[in-house]
C-alpha atoms as a PDB file:
ATOM      1  CA  UNK A   1     123.276  70.798  84.350  1.00  0.00           C
ATOM      2  CA  UNK A   2     122.152  71.330  87.938  1.00  0.00           C
ATOM      3  CA  UNK A   3     122.368  67.547  88.503  1.00  0.00           C
ATOM      4  CA  UNK A   4     126.123  67.656  87.974  1.00  0.00           C
ATOM      5  CA  UNK A   5     126.810  70.117  90.814  1.00  0.00           C
ATOM      6  CA  UNK A   6     125.785  69.946  94.476  1.00  0.00           C
ATOM      7  CA  UNK A   7     124.097  73.347  94.808  1.00  0.00           C
ATOM      8  CA  UNK A   8     120.588  74.748  94.934  1.00  0.00           C
ATOM      9  CA  UNK A   9     119.966  77.363  92.279  1.00  0.00           C
ATOM     10  CA  UNK A  10     117.242  79.998  92.131  1.00  0.00           C
ATOM     11  CA  UNK A  11     116.112  82.142  89.223  1.00  0.00           C
ATOM     12  CA  UNK A  12     115.088  85.647  90.220  1.00  0.00           C
ATOM     13  CA  UNK A  13     112.339  86.492  87.749  1.00  0.00           C
ATOM     14  CA  UNK A  14     110.137  89.520  87.265  1.00  0.00           C
ATOM     15  CA  UNK A  15     107.565  89.065  84.486  1.00  0.00           C
ATOM     16  CA  UNK A  16     105.466  91.770  86.166  1.00  0.00           C
ATOM     17  CA  UNK A  17     108.206  94.362  85.612  1.00  0.00           C
ATOM     18  CA  UNK A  18     108.488  96.483  82.462  1.00  0.00           C
ATOM     19  CA  UNK A  19     110.113  94.339  79.754  1.00  0.00           C
ATOM     20  CA  UNK A  20     110.622  91.588  82.322  1.00  0.00           C
ATOM     21  CA  UNK A  21     108.490  89.040  80.496  1.00  0.00           C
ATOM     22  CA  UNK A  22     110.562  89.410  77.316  1.00  0.00           C
ATOM     23  CA  UNK A  23     113.797  88.554  79.128  1.00  0.00           C
ATOM     24  CA  UNK A  24     112.246  85.661  81.077  1.00  0.00           C
ATOM     25  CA  UNK A  25     110.657  84.068  78.022  1.00  0.00           C
ATOM     26  CA  UNK A  26     113.859  84.280  76.000  1.00  0.00           C
ATOM     27  CA  UNK A  27     115.799  82.772  78.916  1.00  0.00           C
ATOM     28  CA  UNK A  28     113.250  79.951  79.202  1.00  0.00           C
ATOM     29  CA  UNK A  29     113.640  79.207  75.495  1.00  0.00           C
ATOM     30  CA  UNK A  30     117.378  78.811  76.043  1.00  0.00           C
ATOM     31  CA  UNK A  31     116.789  76.189  78.737  1.00  0.00           C
ATOM     32  CA  UNK A  32     117.021  78.129  81.985  1.00  0.00           C
ATOM     33  CA  UNK A  33     114.673  75.687  83.715  1.00  0.00           C
ATOM     34  CA  UNK A  34     117.276  72.926  83.239  1.00  0.00           C
ATOM     35  CA  UNK A  35     119.525  74.667  85.742  1.00  0.00           C
ATOM     36  CA  UNK A  36     117.254  75.874  88.564  1.00  0.00           C
ATOM     37  CA  UNK A  37     115.476  74.418  91.595  1.00  0.00           C
ATOM     38  CA  UNK A  38     113.014  77.238  92.311  1.00  0.00           C
ATOM     39  CA  UNK A  39     112.108  80.732  91.186  1.00  0.00           C
ATOM     40  CA  UNK A  40     112.135  83.854  93.305  1.00  0.00           C
ATOM     41  CA  UNK A  41     110.776  87.343  92.763  1.00  0.00           C
ATOM     42  CA  UNK A  42     110.838  90.808  94.355  1.00  0.00           C
ATOM     43  CA  UNK A  43     107.719  92.785  95.190  1.00  0.00           C
ATOM     44  CA  UNK A  44     107.092  95.996  97.129  1.00  0.00           C
ATOM     45  CA  UNK A  45     103.472  97.054  97.381  1.00  0.00           C
ATOM     46  CA  UNK A  46     102.610 100.491  98.772  1.00  0.00           C
ATOM     47  CA  UNK A  47      98.902  99.700  98.794  1.00  0.00           C
ATOM     48  CA  UNK A  48      97.167  97.928 101.658  1.00  0.00           C
ATOM     49  CA  UNK A  49      96.971  94.157 101.341  1.00  0.00           C
ATOM     50  CA  UNK A  50      95.323  91.360 103.245  1.00  0.00           C
ATOM     51  CA  UNK A  51      92.236  90.620 101.169  1.00  0.00           C
ATOM     52  CA  UNK A  52      91.347  88.726  97.958  1.00  0.00           C
ATOM     53  CA  UNK A  53      92.370  90.606  94.849  1.00  0.00           C
ATOM     54  CA  UNK A  54      95.084  92.752  96.421  1.00  0.00           C
ATOM     55  CA  UNK A  55      98.257  93.638  94.532  1.00  0.00           C
ATOM     56  CA  UNK A  56     100.284  90.860  96.165  1.00  0.00           C
ATOM     57  CA  UNK A  57      97.886  88.310  94.685  1.00  0.00           C
ATOM     58  CA  UNK A  58      98.139  89.910  91.231  1.00  0.00           C
ATOM     59  CA  UNK A  59     101.939  89.731  91.125  1.00  0.00           C
ATOM     60  CA  UNK A  60     102.019  86.129  92.370  1.00  0.00           C
ATOM     61  CA  UNK A  61      99.456  85.112  89.733  1.00  0.00           C
ATOM     62  CA  UNK A  62     101.742  86.494  87.015  1.00  0.00           C
ATOM     63  CA  UNK A  63     104.703  84.534  88.364  1.00  0.00           C
ATOM     64  CA  UNK A  64     102.671  81.314  88.542  1.00  0.00           C
ATOM     65  CA  UNK A  65     101.213  81.900  85.070  1.00  0.00           C
ATOM     66  CA  UNK A  66     104.763  82.151  83.712  1.00  0.00           C
ATOM     67  CA  UNK A  67     105.700  78.845  85.360  1.00  0.00           C
ATOM     68  CA  UNK A  68     102.579  77.147  84.002  1.00  0.00           C
ATOM     69  CA  UNK A  69     103.305  78.427  80.499  1.00  0.00           C
ATOM     70  CA  UNK A  70     106.651  76.638  80.546  1.00  0.00           C
ATOM     71  CA  UNK A  71     105.352  73.460  82.200  1.00  0.00           C
ATOM     72  CA  UNK A  72     106.776  74.074  85.672  1.00  0.00           C
ATOM     73  CA  UNK A  73     103.682  75.006  87.665  1.00  0.00           C
ATOM     74  CA  UNK A  74     104.811  72.842  90.610  1.00  0.00           C
ATOM     75  CA  UNK A  75     108.150  74.602  90.998  1.00  0.00           C
ATOM     76  CA  UNK A  76     108.536  76.338  94.408  1.00  0.00           C
ATOM     77  CA  UNK A  77     108.087  80.111  94.469  1.00  0.00           C
ATOM     78  CA  UNK A  78     110.021  82.299  96.909  1.00  0.00           C
ATOM     79  CA  UNK A  79     109.867  86.000  97.568  1.00  0.00           C
ATOM     80  CA  UNK A  80     113.495  86.858  98.298  1.00  0.00           C
ATOM     81  CA  UNK A  81     112.953  90.590  98.634  1.00  0.00           C
ATOM     82  CA  UNK A  82     109.749  92.375  99.448  1.00  0.00           C
ATOM     83  CA  UNK A  83     107.511  94.056 101.884  1.00  0.00           C
ATOM     84  CA  UNK A  84     104.788  96.610 102.211  1.00  0.00           C
ATOM     85  CA  UNK A  85     106.497  99.228 100.070  1.00  0.00           C
ATOM     86  CA  UNK A  86     110.026 100.201  99.235  1.00  0.00           C
ATOM     87  CA  UNK A  87     112.275 103.146  99.959  1.00  0.00           C
ATOM     88  CA  UNK A  88     110.471 106.315 100.996  1.00  0.00           C
ATOM     89  CA  UNK A  89     106.979 105.229  99.972  1.00  0.00           C
ATOM     90  CA  UNK A  90     105.860 104.897 103.581  1.00  0.00           C
ATOM     91  CA  UNK A  91     104.075 108.144 104.050  1.00  0.00           C
ATOM     92  CA  UNK A  92     100.541 109.407 104.450  1.00  0.00           C
ATOM     93  CA  UNK A  93     100.140 110.222 100.769  1.00  0.00           C
ATOM     94  CA  UNK A  94     101.162 106.880  99.258  1.00  0.00           C
ATOM     95  CA  UNK A  95      99.644 104.568 101.871  1.00  0.00           C
ATOM     96  CA  UNK A  96      95.890 104.824 102.244  1.00  0.00           C
ATOM     97  CA  UNK A  97      94.695 103.208 105.481  1.00  0.00           C
ATOM     98  CA  UNK A  98      91.348 101.568 105.958  1.00  0.00           C
ATOM     99  CA  UNK A  99      88.931 103.926 107.644  1.00  0.00           C
ATOM    100  CA  UNK A 100      89.274 102.600 111.198  1.00  0.00           C
ATOM    101  CA  UNK A 101      93.066 102.558 111.463  1.00  0.00           C
ATOM    102  CA  UNK A 102      94.672 104.963 113.887  1.00  0.00           C
ATOM    103  CA  UNK A 103      98.247 106.184 113.811  1.00  0.00           C
ATOM    104  CA  UNK A 104     101.066 105.811 111.334  1.00  0.00           C
ATOM    105  CA  UNK A 105     102.913 103.303 113.508  1.00  0.00           C
ATOM    106  CA  UNK A 106      99.923 100.976 113.812  1.00  0.00           C
ATOM    107  CA  UNK A 107      99.261 101.354 110.102  1.00  0.00           C
ATOM    108  CA  UNK A 108     102.733 100.189 109.135  1.00  0.00           C
ATOM    109  CA  UNK A 109     102.572  97.288 111.588  1.00  0.00           C
ATOM    110  CA  UNK A 110      99.367  96.200 109.841  1.00  0.00           C
ATOM    111  CA  UNK A 111     101.011  96.470 106.428  1.00  0.00           C
ATOM    112  CA  UNK A 112     103.712  94.055 107.578  1.00  0.00           C
ATOM    113  CA  UNK A 113     101.258  91.407 108.818  1.00  0.00           C
ATOM    114  CA  UNK A 114      98.973  91.745 105.799  1.00  0.00           C
ATOM    115  CA  UNK A 115     101.870  91.335 103.361  1.00  0.00           C
ATOM    116  CA  UNK A 116     102.725  87.989 104.940  1.00  0.00           C
ATOM    117  CA  UNK A 117      99.096  86.857 104.908  1.00  0.00           C
ATOM    118  CA  UNK A 118      98.664  87.672 101.226  1.00  0.00           C
ATOM    119  CA  UNK A 119     101.860  86.017 100.058  1.00  0.00           C
ATOM    120  CA  UNK A 120     101.409  82.820 102.058  1.00  0.00           C
ATOM    121  CA  UNK A 121      97.728  82.602 101.080  1.00  0.00           C
ATOM    122  CA  UNK A 122      98.592  82.892  97.401  1.00  0.00           C
ATOM    123  CA  UNK A 123     101.156  80.123  97.324  1.00  0.00           C
ATOM    124  CA  UNK A 124     104.534  81.651  98.122  1.00  0.00           C
ATOM    125  CA  UNK A 125     106.578  78.853  99.679  1.00  0.00           C
ATOM    126  CA  UNK A 126     109.114  81.062 101.454  1.00  0.00           C
ATOM    127  CA  UNK A 127     109.087  84.763 102.134  1.00  0.00           C
ATOM    128  CA  UNK A 128     111.929  87.027 103.271  1.00  0.00           C
ATOM    129  CA  UNK A 129     110.670  90.273 104.753  1.00  0.00           C
ATOM    130  CA  UNK A 130     113.525  92.326 103.338  1.00  0.00           C
ATOM    131  CA  UNK A 131     111.849  95.629 104.077  1.00  0.00           C
ATOM    132  CA  UNK A 132     110.555  95.192 107.603  1.00  0.00           C
ATOM    133  CA  UNK A 133     112.272  98.495 108.357  1.00  0.00           C
ATOM    134  CA  UNK A 134     112.471 101.728 106.388  1.00  0.00           C
ATOM    135  CA  UNK A 135     115.992 100.892 105.281  1.00  0.00           C
ATOM    136  CA  UNK A 136     118.023 103.274 107.412  1.00  0.00           C
ATOM    137  CA  UNK A 137     115.637 106.212 107.526  1.00  0.00           C
ATOM    138  CA  UNK A 138     115.404 105.932 111.335  1.00  0.00           C
ATOM    139  CA  UNK A 139     111.900 107.268 111.698  1.00  0.00           C
ATOM    140  CA  UNK A 140     109.979 106.085 114.722  1.00  0.00           C
ATOM    141  CA  UNK A 141     107.513 103.356 113.758  1.00  0.00           C
ATOM    142  CA  UNK A 142     109.435 102.156 110.699  1.00  0.00           C
ATOM    143  CA  UNK A 143     112.694 100.648 111.910  1.00  0.00           C
ATOM    144  CA  UNK A 144     113.428  97.862 114.369  1.00  0.00           C
ATOM    145  CA  UNK A 145     114.082 100.446 117.058  1.00  0.00           C
ATOM    146  CA  UNK A 146     112.990 104.020 117.539  1.00  0.00           C
ATOM    147  CA  UNK A 147     115.386 106.891 118.299  1.00  0.00           C
ATOM    148  CA  UNK A 148     114.342 106.595 121.962  1.00  0.00           C
ATOM    149  CA  UNK A 149     115.689 103.052 122.081  1.00  0.00           C
ATOM    150  CA  UNK A 150     112.233 101.486 122.299  1.00  0.00           C
ATOM    151  CA  UNK A 151     111.331  98.623 119.981  1.00  0.00           C
ATOM    152  CA  UNK A 152     109.228  99.883 117.085  1.00  0.00           C
ATOM    153  CA  UNK A 153     105.582  98.738 116.895  1.00  0.00           C
ATOM    154  CA  UNK A 154     106.100  97.024 113.526  1.00  0.00           C
ATOM    155  CA  UNK A 155     108.914  94.936 115.026  1.00  0.00           C
ATOM    156  CA  UNK A 156     106.688  93.865 117.926  1.00  0.00           C
ATOM    157  CA  UNK A 157     103.871  93.014 115.515  1.00  0.00           C
ATOM    158  CA  UNK A 158     106.229  90.960 113.375  1.00  0.00           C
ATOM    159  CA  UNK A 159     107.557  89.093 116.415  1.00  0.00           C
ATOM    160  CA  UNK A 160     103.984  88.273 117.386  1.00  0.00           C
ATOM    161  CA  UNK A 161     103.240  87.072 113.856  1.00  0.00           C
ATOM    162  CA  UNK A 162     106.354  84.872 113.851  1.00  0.00           C
ATOM    163  CA  UNK A 163     105.299  83.298 117.173  1.00  0.00           C
ATOM    164  CA  UNK A 164     101.821  82.519 115.831  1.00  0.00           C
ATOM    165  CA  UNK A 165     103.058  81.029 112.541  1.00  0.00           C
ATOM    166  CA  UNK A 166     105.947  78.933 113.853  1.00  0.00           C
ATOM    167  CA  UNK A 167     105.676  75.325 112.627  1.00  0.00           C
ATOM    168  CA  UNK A 168     102.405  76.020 110.828  1.00  0.00           C
ATOM    169  CA  UNK A 169     101.179  75.960 107.241  1.00  0.00           C
ATOM    170  CA  UNK A 170      98.542  78.122 105.581  1.00  0.00           C
ATOM    171  CA  UNK A 171      95.239  76.274 105.282  1.00  0.00           C
ATOM    172  CA  UNK A 172      92.483  78.581 104.063  1.00  0.00           C
ATOM    173  CA  UNK A 173      91.250  82.167 103.829  1.00  0.00           C
ATOM    174  CA  UNK A 174      87.702  82.417 105.190  1.00  0.00           C
ATOM    175  CA  UNK A 175      85.506  85.486 104.474  1.00  0.00           C
ATOM    176  CA  UNK A 176      83.558  86.529 107.552  1.00  0.00           C
ATOM    177  CA  UNK A 177      80.995  89.134 108.564  1.00  0.00           C
ATOM    178  CA  UNK A 178      81.783  92.849 108.778  1.00  0.00           C
ATOM    179  CA  UNK A 179      84.313  92.705 105.890  1.00  0.00           C
ATOM    180  CA  UNK A 180      86.748  90.593 107.951  1.00  0.00           C
ATOM    181  CA  UNK A 181      88.865  87.866 106.374  1.00  0.00           C
ATOM    182  CA  UNK A 182      90.340  85.047 108.466  1.00  0.00           C
ATOM    183  CA  UNK A 183      93.711  83.640 107.383  1.00  0.00           C
ATOM    184  CA  UNK A 184      93.973  80.202 108.993  1.00  0.00           C
ATOM    185  CA  UNK A 185      97.299  78.467 109.739  1.00  0.00           C
ATOM    186  CA  UNK A 186      97.573  74.999 111.288  1.00  0.00           C
ATOM    187  CA  UNK A 187     100.291  73.055 113.103  1.00  0.00           C
ATOM    188  CA  UNK A 188     100.232  69.548 114.546  1.00  0.00           C
ATOM    189  CA  UNK A 189      98.248  70.505 117.659  1.00  0.00           C
ATOM    190  CA  UNK A 190      97.369  74.167 117.335  1.00  0.00           C
ATOM    191  CA  UNK A 191      95.772  76.691 114.994  1.00  0.00           C
ATOM    192  CA  UNK A 192      96.489  80.389 114.484  1.00  0.00           C
ATOM    193  CA  UNK A 193      94.091  82.767 112.748  1.00  0.00           C
ATOM    194  CA  UNK A 194      94.944  86.263 111.548  1.00  0.00           C
ATOM    195  CA  UNK A 195      91.719  88.289 111.343  1.00  0.00           C
ATOM    196  CA  UNK A 196      91.883  91.457 109.259  1.00  0.00           C
ATOM    197  CA  UNK A 197      89.105  93.815 108.090  1.00  0.00           C
ATOM    198  CA  UNK A 198      89.054  95.161 104.562  1.00  0.00           C
ATOM    199  CA  UNK A 199      86.982  98.190 105.490  1.00  0.00           C
ATOM    200  CA  UNK A 200      84.978  99.535 108.421  1.00  0.00           C
ATOM    201  CA  UNK A 201      83.514  96.792 110.574  1.00  0.00           C
ATOM    202  CA  UNK A 202      83.694  95.188 114.015  1.00  0.00           C
ATOM    203  CA  UNK A 203      83.420  91.678 115.440  1.00  0.00           C
ATOM    204  CA  UNK A 204      82.168  90.962 118.947  1.00  0.00           C
ATOM    205  CA  UNK A 205      84.412  88.434 120.658  1.00  0.00           C
ATOM    206  CA  UNK A 206      82.634  85.712 122.643  1.00  0.00           C
ATOM    207  CA  UNK A 207      82.720  85.918 126.427  1.00  0.00           C
ATOM    208  CA  UNK A 208      83.982  83.193 128.774  1.00  0.00           C
ATOM    209  CA  UNK A 209      85.983  81.336 126.122  1.00  0.00           C
ATOM    210  CA  UNK A 210      88.067  78.329 127.100  1.00  0.00           C
ATOM    211  CA  UNK A 211      91.694  79.045 128.094  1.00  0.00           C
ATOM    212  CA  UNK A 212      92.849  77.161 125.010  1.00  0.00           C
ATOM    213  CA  UNK A 213      91.194  79.833 122.851  1.00  0.00           C
ATOM    214  CA  UNK A 214      93.199  83.043 123.085  1.00  0.00           C
ATOM    215  CA  UNK A 215      92.437  86.359 121.382  1.00  0.00           C
ATOM    216  CA  UNK A 216      95.188  88.965 121.123  1.00  0.00           C
ATOM    217  CA  UNK A 217      95.824  92.239 119.349  1.00  0.00           C
ATOM    218  CA  UNK A 218      98.463  92.965 116.721  1.00  0.00           C
ATOM    219  CA  UNK A 219     101.187  93.035 119.371  1.00  0.00           C
ATOM    220  CA  UNK A 220     100.236  89.945 121.383  1.00  0.00           C
ATOM    221  CA  UNK A 221      98.240  91.649 124.137  1.00  0.00           C
ATOM    222  CA  UNK A 222      95.073  89.924 125.333  1.00  0.00           C
ATOM    223  CA  UNK A 223      92.014  91.515 123.761  1.00  0.00           C
ATOM    224  CA  UNK A 224      88.281  91.213 124.331  1.00  0.00           C
ATOM    225  CA  UNK A 225      85.007  92.887 123.407  1.00  0.00           C
ATOM    226  CA  UNK A 226      84.370  94.508 120.031  1.00  0.00           C
ATOM    227  CA  UNK A 227      87.285  94.373 117.589  1.00  0.00           C
ATOM    228  CA  UNK A 228      87.521  96.675 114.581  1.00  0.00           C
ATOM    229  CA  UNK A 229      91.231  96.243 113.741  1.00  0.00           C
ATOM    230  CA  UNK A 230      93.592  93.400 112.941  1.00  0.00           C
ATOM    231  CA  UNK A 231      93.809  90.766 115.675  1.00  0.00           C
ATOM    232  CA  UNK A 232      94.771  87.128 116.283  1.00  0.00           C
ATOM    233  CA  UNK A 233      93.069  83.971 117.485  1.00  0.00           C
ATOM    234  CA  UNK A 234      95.236  81.133 118.811  1.00  0.00           C
ATOM    235  CA  UNK A 235      93.670  77.738 119.603  1.00  0.00           C
ATOM    236  CA  UNK A 236      95.255  74.657 121.160  1.00  0.00           C
ATOM    237  CA  UNK A 237      94.140  71.036 120.746  1.00  0.00           C
ATOM    238  CA  UNK A 238      91.680  71.788 117.941  1.00  0.00           C
ATOM    239  CA  UNK A 239      91.779  70.974 114.250  1.00  0.00           C
ATOM    240  CA  UNK A 240      91.797  73.662 111.576  1.00  0.00           C
ATOM    241  CA  UNK A 241      88.478  72.276 110.313  1.00  0.00           C
ATOM    242  CA  UNK A 242      86.848  72.751 113.732  1.00  0.00           C
ATOM    243  CA  UNK A 243      88.149  76.322 114.052  1.00  0.00           C
ATOM    244  CA  UNK A 244      87.037  77.209 110.526  1.00  0.00           C
ATOM    245  CA  UNK A 245      83.554  75.823 111.181  1.00  0.00           C
ATOM    246  CA  UNK A 246      83.349  77.865 114.402  1.00  0.00           C
ATOM    247  CA  UNK A 247      84.377  81.048 112.565  1.00  0.00           C
ATOM    248  CA  UNK A 248      81.786  80.502 109.835  1.00  0.00           C
ATOM    249  CA  UNK A 249      78.993  79.819 112.316  1.00  0.00           C
ATOM    250  CA  UNK A 250      79.898  82.684 114.645  1.00  0.00           C
ATOM    251  CA  UNK A 251      80.553  85.329 111.993  1.00  0.00           C
ATOM    252  CA  UNK A 252      78.681  84.250 108.828  1.00  0.00           C
ATOM    253  CA  UNK A 253      79.838  86.069 105.720  1.00  0.00           C
ATOM    254  CA  UNK A 254      76.262  86.692 104.609  1.00  0.00           C
ATOM    255  CA  UNK A 255      76.175  89.479 107.162  1.00  0.00           C
ATOM    256  CA  UNK A 256      79.165  91.251 105.606  1.00  0.00           C
ATOM    257  CA  UNK A 257      78.891  94.884 104.676  1.00  0.00           C
ATOM    258  CA  UNK A 258      79.889  96.021 101.197  1.00  0.00           C
ATOM    259  CA  UNK A 259      83.669  96.513 101.346  1.00  0.00           C
ATOM    260  CA  UNK A 260      84.972  99.950 100.522  1.00  0.00           C
ATOM    261  CA  UNK A 261      87.806 100.272  98.023  1.00  0.00           C
ATOM    262  CA  UNK A 262      91.167 100.155  99.843  1.00  0.00           C
END
């Protein structure tokens, strides 16, 4: 058994794949759970994520339902391979942007950030962004670097995300006005909020905010005024509860517009 050897073992499952559930259930019957420490799965989603009910949430629910069925609902879940879409799916036809996105490069950067939000919000304990790049296609806006030698926008956006989420845990997803959702992450002394719209909408940022409250765009640049695309809020020396209460009071969800289908 796993207790007799000093290793950590993972089971890469895929009950959401065709015939996957048959193999997983038969393996579970044979005692697979006696040998593993956590389960992992792969998932590439060409559709836009970052809101309740997206395809990331659906896949994770199937994985967790499988664990619950076999009495292991508390077992850690990792995504060891995944991203916003695999192979050559990143094109205008397969990826439908929300109405107020501009540019293919910005669109893919938003897919990257939204994939992380969805997976962390739905209980994935560790996530490897295996497909941050296009996988060798070397098209500007997809890979870590563009043919010109410049860093690709999606790489900058991911670096900004990593800075915001360092040493933090997901706390809560808060629906706000104008179809925005706020994904709240908290550390010991700071809070980061990823704010993403599901459809057309805009939030007016408050003026003359304290220096400890910092708004930035997808790439880490300071932003102000009316925001209609993905952006960040970083707050120092405040609790997640205080930030969540401020978000709810400032942008009450009752004012939300009806979200268009992504």
